[in-house]
Amino acid sequence: MRDVIADMGPAFLGSRLKRLAERMQAGATTAIANAGVPLQPAHMAVLAALRVGPMNVGQLAGVIGISQPGVTRSVSQMAKLGILADLPASDQRTRLVELTSRGRAFAELAVTELWPRIGMAAEELLADTSPSFLLQLAAIERALDHASIAQRAERARPGGLRLREFDDALAAVFHDINVEWISAMFTLEATDQDVLENPRERIIDSGGVILFVEAPGLGIVGTCALQKTGPSSFELTKMGVREVARGLKAGEFLLEAAVARATALQADPLYLLTSRKCAAAIHLYEKLGFAHDTEIMNDYGSRYQRCDVAMKYIAEGAHPEAEASDPAEGA
């Protein structure tokens, strides 16, 4: 099933982190309950902070790094459970709280048993990640201290598409973008699966190219390939752009880059195979110099059951005055 939040890339980073936190906290809630501690994960930071001594709400908010209303809510809940209590303060406007004897007992249990066990569980999760993950997380937090997402979004501007080359870390992205559009419009064929599941062997190692387009704030939004099919012939294939990038002209940017790369490779012919159902894509191909070609259809068209359109790149056949939409599907 499609993961919408993951597909949206950095634009949904906050939602993805929140989802991750909710999954981890759900497990922590069970572990806390199993240890006989009547608290929630949100209370744990307050419990840890008050082990060093009494604090007021403002101080707690500062050392934990969350809003005062959130701390106030946790303090009130913990007070009802007899975990902490108010201390008399010289300034009546300042509420000082400290752990009760019951709270200190639970804090001791948390320190000796609960937090180490949850910590080891988290370390197990991190074992397969980059060693710098926690350092990167700290860097994000420091960056947010300097300027919030709202401030950064205000000064950001659209555009800035960037070309990315293939590496094995992007193989899954190449697969997923193409499976998404092919499955939505057609049946995934054996030749599709072979290429998408083995991009290095079927394209890169045989002299072909896989390109990606990256959009600021969205990450990788599109891809296409040049697959070598003869001594000098290349098929423009597996071109897809995510719907989230509609309007950014990511498809046109990607196609121009692919044609330029094919020209550098002295592709002859450079061709593509598609279907009449991909009308927006065909219009873009025509705009950038591809023409319908019966010879290409006769020579290569049998590769796909869905193929009823074959086109060949002829630079002088371009129609720059044409306006093309940004298709989510391609060859």
Protein backbone atom coordinates (compact mmCIF):
# COMPACT_ATOMS: atom_id res chain seq x y z
CA MET A 1 0.00 0.00 0.00
CA ARG A 2 1.24 3.50 -0.84
CA ASP A 3 2.74 5.46 2.06
CA VAL A 4 1.55 9.02 1.46
CA ILE A 5 3.62 10.56 4.26
CA ALA A 6 6.83 8.88 3.09
CA ASP A 7 6.11 9.79 -0.54
CA MET A 8 5.88 13.48 0.36
CA GLY A 9 9.51 13.48 1.45
CA PRO A 10 10.93 16.35 3.54
CA ALA A 11 7.69 18.37 3.25
CA PHE A 12 6.07 15.88 5.65
CA LEU A 13 9.11 15.36 7.89
CA GLY A 14 7.26 16.60 10.99
CA SER A 15 4.33 14.25 10.32
CA ARG A 16 6.69 11.35 9.73
CA LEU A 17 8.58 12.01 12.97
CA LYS A 18 5.29 12.35 14.85
CA ARG A 19 4.13 9.03 13.43
CA LEU A 20 7.42 7.43 14.43
CA ALA A 21 7.17 8.93 17.93
CA GLU A 22 3.62 7.62 18.33
CA ARG A 23 4.72 4.11 17.37
CA MET A 24 7.65 4.18 19.78
CA GLN A 25 5.60 5.70 22.59
CA ALA A 26 2.88 3.08 22.17
CA GLY A 27 5.48 0.42 22.91
CA ALA A 28 6.92 2.46 25.77
CA THR A 29 3.44 2.82 27.28
CA THR A 30 3.11 -0.96 27.41
CA ALA A 31 6.60 -1.36 28.90
CA ILE A 32 5.82 1.25 31.58
CA ALA A 33 2.54 -0.43 32.47
CA ASN A 34 4.22 -3.84 32.63
CA ALA A 35 6.71 -2.38 35.13
CA GLY A 36 3.82 -1.33 37.39
CA VAL A 37 4.42 2.41 36.94
CA PRO A 38 1.13 4.38 36.58
CA LEU A 39 2.59 6.98 34.22
CA GLN A 40 2.59 7.81 30.52
CA PRO A 41 5.65 8.41 28.29
CA ALA A 42 4.92 12.14 28.41
CA HIS A 43 5.45 12.08 32.20
CA MET A 44 8.87 10.45 32.05
CA ALA A 45 10.83 13.63 31.25
CA VAL A 46 9.20 15.45 34.19
CA LEU A 47 10.05 12.51 36.46
CA ALA A 48 13.68 12.59 35.29
CA ALA A 49 13.98 16.36 35.69
CA LEU A 50 12.59 16.43 39.24
CA ARG A 51 15.06 13.79 40.44
CA VAL A 52 17.61 16.60 40.86
CA GLY A 53 15.28 18.71 43.00
CA PRO A 54 12.21 20.99 42.97
CA MET A 55 11.46 23.13 39.91
CA ASN A 56 8.77 25.45 38.73
CA VAL A 57 6.84 24.95 35.49
CA GLY A 58 8.99 27.43 33.58
CA GLN A 59 12.18 25.66 34.61
CA LEU A 60 10.74 22.27 33.69
CA ALA A 61 9.71 23.57 30.28
CA GLY A 62 13.24 24.88 29.76
CA VAL A 63 15.11 21.69 30.65
CA ILE A 64 12.69 19.41 28.80
CA GLY A 65 12.31 21.66 25.77
CA ILE A 66 8.52 21.62 25.41
CA SER A 67 5.81 24.22 25.88
CA GLN A 68 4.70 25.38 29.33
CA PRO A 69 1.08 24.28 28.70
CA GLY A 70 2.34 20.75 27.99
CA VAL A 71 4.40 20.73 31.19
CA THR A 72 1.48 22.14 33.21
CA ARG A 73 -0.75 19.34 31.93
CA SER A 74 1.77 16.65 32.88
CA VAL A 75 2.37 18.21 36.32
CA SER A 76 -1.36 18.30 37.06
CA GLN A 77 -1.81 14.66 36.00
CA MET A 78 1.16 13.53 38.08
CA ALA A 79 -0.05 15.47 41.11
CA LYS A 80 -3.41 13.63 40.94
CA LEU A 81 -1.49 10.35 40.98
CA GLY A 82 0.46 11.39 44.08
CA ILE A 83 3.76 11.40 42.17
CA LEU A 84 4.60 15.04 42.90
CA ALA A 85 3.35 17.82 45.17
CA ASP A 86 3.52 21.60 45.42
CA LEU A 87 6.11 23.30 47.60
CA PRO A 88 5.52 26.63 49.34
CA ALA A 89 7.20 29.43 47.41
CA SER A 90 8.09 32.97 48.44
CA ASP A 91 6.52 34.23 45.21
CA GLN A 92 2.91 33.04 45.18
CA ARG A 93 2.86 33.36 41.37
CA THR A 94 5.57 30.69 41.06
CA ARG A 95 4.49 27.08 41.44
CA LEU A 96 7.31 24.88 42.73
CA VAL A 97 6.83 21.13 42.52
CA GLU A 98 8.83 18.20 43.84
CA LEU A 99 8.60 14.42 43.84
CA THR A 100 6.69 12.80 46.70
CA SER A 101 8.02 9.68 48.40
CA ARG A 102 5.87 7.67 46.00
CA GLY A 103 7.31 9.63 43.09
CA ARG A 104 10.89 9.02 44.28
CA ALA A 105 10.18 5.30 44.50
CA PHE A 106 8.91 5.23 40.92
CA ALA A 107 11.89 7.34 39.80
CA GLU A 108 14.25 4.80 41.39
CA LEU A 109 12.43 1.96 39.63
CA ALA A 110 12.61 3.84 36.34
CA VAL A 111 16.36 4.50 36.71
CA THR A 112 17.30 0.96 37.69
CA GLU A 113 14.98 -1.10 35.50
CA LEU A 114 12.57 0.70 33.19
CA TRP A 115 14.72 3.25 31.35
CA PRO A 116 17.63 0.86 30.76
CA ARG A 117 15.29 -1.72 29.21
CA ILE A 118 13.59 0.84 26.97
CA GLY A 119 17.00 2.27 26.14
CA MET A 120 18.31 -1.14 25.04
CA ALA A 121 15.21 -1.61 22.89
CA ALA A 122 15.89 1.75 21.21
CA GLU A 123 19.56 0.83 20.71
CA GLU A 124 18.44 -2.35 18.98
CA LEU A 125 16.35 -0.24 16.59
CA LEU A 126 19.31 2.06 15.94
CA ALA A 127 21.72 -0.80 15.31
CA ASP A 128 20.86 -0.90 11.60
CA THR A 129 20.95 2.89 11.13
CA SER A 130 23.79 5.29 10.55
CA PRO A 131 25.95 5.84 13.67
CA SER A 132 25.39 9.56 13.18
CA PHE A 133 21.57 9.34 13.44
CA LEU A 134 21.34 10.84 16.92
CA LEU A 135 23.90 13.51 16.01
CA GLN A 136 21.81 14.41 12.97
CA LEU A 137 18.72 14.57 15.16
CA ALA A 138 20.51 16.96 17.52
CA ALA A 139 21.61 19.07 14.55
CA ILE A 140 17.99 19.38 13.39
CA GLU A 141 16.95 20.49 16.87
CA ARG A 142 19.70 23.13 16.95
CA ALA A 143 18.71 24.36 13.51
CA LEU A 144 15.10 24.76 14.66
CA ASP A 145 16.34 26.78 17.64
CA HIS A 146 17.93 29.13 15.10
CA ALA A 147 14.92 29.38 12.74
CA SER A 148 11.55 27.62 12.85
CA ILE A 149 9.90 25.75 9.98
CA ALA A 150 7.50 28.69 9.61
CA GLN A 151 10.38 31.14 9.25
CA ARG A 152 12.16 28.90 6.76
CA ALA A 153 8.98 28.29 4.75
CA GLU A 154 8.37 32.04 4.56
CA ARG A 155 11.73 32.69 2.92
CA ALA A 156 11.63 29.60 0.68
CA ARG A 157 10.75 29.95 -2.98
CA PRO A 158 9.51 27.29 -5.44
CA GLY A 159 11.71 26.00 -8.26
CA GLY A 160 15.25 24.80 -7.95
CA LEU A 161 14.79 21.37 -9.54
CA ARG A 162 17.97 19.31 -9.34
CA LEU A 163 19.18 16.33 -11.34
CA ARG A 164 20.37 13.24 -9.48
CA GLU A 165 22.31 10.27 -10.84
CA PHE A 166 21.53 6.65 -10.04
CA ASP A 167 23.07 4.94 -7.07
CA ASP A 168 21.98 1.72 -5.41
CA ALA A 169 20.37 3.63 -2.54
CA LEU A 170 17.86 5.06 -5.06
CA ALA A 171 16.94 1.72 -6.64
CA ALA A 172 13.82 1.41 -4.47
CA VAL A 173 12.71 4.93 -5.46
CA PHE A 174 13.12 4.05 -9.14
CA HIS A 175 11.02 0.93 -8.56
CA ASP A 176 8.27 2.60 -6.53
CA ILE A 177 7.69 5.63 -8.77
CA ASN A 178 7.31 3.43 -11.84
CA VAL A 179 5.19 0.75 -10.19
CA GLU A 180 2.88 3.52 -8.99
CA TRP A 181 2.05 4.95 -12.43
CA ILE A 182 2.20 1.69 -14.41
CA SER A 183 -0.12 -0.12 -11.98
CA ALA A 184 -2.54 2.82 -11.98
CA MET A 185 -2.96 2.75 -15.77
CA PHE A 186 -1.89 -0.69 -16.98
CA THR A 187 -0.88 -4.16 -15.86
CA LEU A 188 2.70 -4.49 -14.70
CA GLU A 189 4.35 -6.74 -17.29
CA ALA A 190 7.20 -9.21 -16.86
CA THR A 191 9.60 -6.90 -18.71
CA ASP A 192 8.67 -4.07 -16.32
CA GLN A 193 9.32 -6.20 -13.26
CA ASP A 194 12.64 -7.44 -14.61
CA VAL A 195 13.95 -3.91 -15.17
CA LEU A 196 12.48 -2.36 -12.02
CA GLU A 197 13.76 -5.11 -9.73
CA ASN A 198 17.21 -5.21 -11.33
CA PRO A 199 17.99 -1.64 -12.46
CA ARG A 200 21.75 -1.88 -12.14
CA GLU A 201 22.03 -5.16 -14.07
CA ARG A 202 19.45 -4.32 -16.75
CA ILE A 203 20.31 -0.66 -17.33
CA ILE A 204 23.46 0.69 -15.69
CA ASP A 205 25.83 -2.24 -16.25
CA SER A 206 24.86 -2.51 -19.92
CA GLY A 207 25.78 1.10 -20.63
CA GLY A 208 22.50 2.82 -19.83
CA VAL A 209 21.56 5.68 -17.53
CA ILE A 210 18.98 6.28 -14.79
CA LEU A 211 18.24 9.86 -13.81
CA PHE A 212 16.14 11.38 -11.04
CA VAL A 213 14.70 14.83 -10.47
CA GLU A 214 14.68 16.27 -6.95
CA ALA A 215 12.45 19.15 -5.89
CA PRO A 216 13.18 21.37 -2.87
CA GLY A 217 11.08 20.30 0.08
CA LEU A 218 9.72 17.23 -1.71
CA GLY A 219 12.79 15.08 -2.34
CA ILE A 220 12.92 12.75 -5.37
CA VAL A 221 9.76 13.30 -7.41
CA GLY A 222 10.55 11.69 -10.75
CA THR A 223 12.80 9.34 -12.68
CA CYS A 224 13.55 8.04 -16.16
CA ALA A 225 16.03 5.72 -17.81
CA LEU A 226 17.99 5.33 -21.03
CA GLN A 227 18.25 1.60 -21.67
CA LYS A 228 20.78 0.47 -24.25
CA THR A 229 19.10 -1.90 -26.71
CA GLY A 230 21.74 -2.14 -29.43
CA PRO A 231 25.23 -0.97 -30.42
CA SER A 232 24.03 2.65 -30.46
CA SER A 233 20.28 2.46 -29.86
CA PHE A 234 18.73 3.65 -26.60
CA GLU A 235 15.17 3.41 -25.35
CA LEU A 236 13.85 6.25 -23.21
CA THR A 237 11.92 4.23 -20.67
CA LYS A 238 10.51 4.05 -17.16
CA MET A 239 9.72 7.75 -16.95
CA GLY A 240 7.40 8.71 -14.13
CA VAL A 241 6.72 11.78 -11.99
CA ARG A 242 4.83 11.70 -8.71
CA GLU A 243 1.53 13.53 -8.58
CA VAL A 244 2.82 15.73 -5.76
CA ALA A 245 5.14 17.39 -8.33
CA ARG A 246 2.38 18.37 -10.74
CA GLY A 247 2.85 21.97 -11.87
CA LEU A 248 6.60 22.04 -11.20
CA LYS A 249 7.47 20.94 -14.77
CA ALA A 250 9.59 18.20 -13.28
CA GLY A 251 8.75 15.89 -16.19
CA GLU A 252 9.93 18.39 -18.77
CA PHE A 253 13.12 19.07 -16.76
CA LEU A 254 13.80 15.33 -16.57
CA LEU A 255 13.08 14.68 -20.24
CA GLU A 256 15.38 17.52 -21.36
CA ALA A 257 18.16 16.08 -19.19
CA ALA A 258 17.60 12.58 -20.59
CA VAL A 259 17.71 13.82 -24.19
CA ALA A 260 20.90 15.76 -23.48
CA ARG A 261 22.48 12.64 -21.95
CA ALA A 262 21.38 10.52 -24.92
CA THR A 263 22.91 13.05 -27.29
CA ALA A 264 26.19 12.86 -25.39
CA LEU A 265 26.04 9.06 -25.69
CA GLN A 266 25.47 9.46 -29.48
CA ALA A 267 22.23 7.51 -29.25
CA ASP A 268 21.00 6.45 -32.69
CA PRO A 269 18.16 5.96 -32.56
CA LEU A 270 16.78 7.39 -29.34
CA TYR A 271 13.23 6.11 -29.15
CA LEU A 272 10.37 5.45 -26.76
CA LEU A 273 7.38 3.14 -26.56
CA THR A 274 4.16 4.23 -24.92
CA SER A 275 0.37 4.12 -25.12
CA ARG A 276 -2.31 6.50 -26.40
CA LYS A 277 -3.63 6.52 -22.83
CA CYS A 278 -0.57 8.61 -21.88
CA ALA A 279 -1.78 11.64 -23.81
CA ALA A 280 -0.11 14.29 -21.64
CA ALA A 281 3.22 12.47 -21.86
CA ILE A 282 2.95 12.13 -25.65
CA HIS A 283 2.30 15.86 -25.94
CA LEU A 284 5.46 16.55 -23.93
CA TYR A 285 7.49 14.16 -26.11
CA GLU A 286 6.27 15.93 -29.23
CA LYS A 287 7.16 19.29 -27.73
CA LEU A 288 10.75 18.20 -27.07
CA GLY A 289 11.44 16.67 -30.47
CA PHE A 290 10.01 13.15 -30.63
CA ALA A 291 7.97 12.10 -33.68
CA HIS A 292 5.72 9.12 -34.28
CA ASP A 293 7.61 6.44 -36.19
CA THR A 294 6.24 3.23 -37.75
CA GLU A 295 9.72 1.74 -38.21
CA ILE A 296 10.39 2.02 -34.47
CA MET A 297 7.02 0.37 -33.83
CA ASN A 298 7.88 -2.49 -36.16
CA ASP A 299 11.35 -2.99 -34.67
CA TYR A 300 10.63 -2.56 -30.96
CA GLY A 301 6.89 -2.22 -30.31
CA SER A 302 6.31 -5.85 -29.39
CA ARG A 303 8.24 -5.41 -26.14
CA TYR A 304 5.14 -4.21 -24.27
CA GLN A 305 1.56 -5.38 -24.61
CA ARG A 306 0.39 -1.86 -23.79
CA CYS A 307 2.44 -0.28 -26.57
CA ASP A 308 0.46 1.30 -29.41
CA VAL A 309 2.66 4.40 -29.85
CA ALA A 310 6.32 4.46 -30.90
CA MET A 311 8.34 7.65 -31.23
CA LYS A 312 11.82 8.58 -32.36
CA TYR A 313 13.84 11.62 -31.33
CA ILE A 314 14.37 14.07 -34.18
CA ALA A 315 15.67 17.36 -32.79
CA GLU A 316 14.48 19.47 -35.71
CA GLY A 317 10.98 18.11 -35.19
CA ALA A 318 10.52 19.94 -31.89
CA HIS A 319 7.62 22.31 -31.45
CA PRO A 320 8.79 24.80 -28.81
CA GLU A 321 5.60 26.82 -29.03
CA ALA A 322 3.53 23.92 -27.68
CA GLU A 323 2.40 24.06 -24.06
CA ALA A 324 2.76 20.76 -22.23
CA SER A 325 1.37 19.67 -18.90
CA ASP A 326 3.58 17.83 -16.46
CA PRO A 327 2.56 14.17 -16.78
CA ALA A 328 2.72 11.71 -13.95
CA GLU A 329 3.22 8.87 -16.39
CA GLY A 330 5.57 8.26 -19.27
CA ALA A 331 7.13 5.60 -21.44
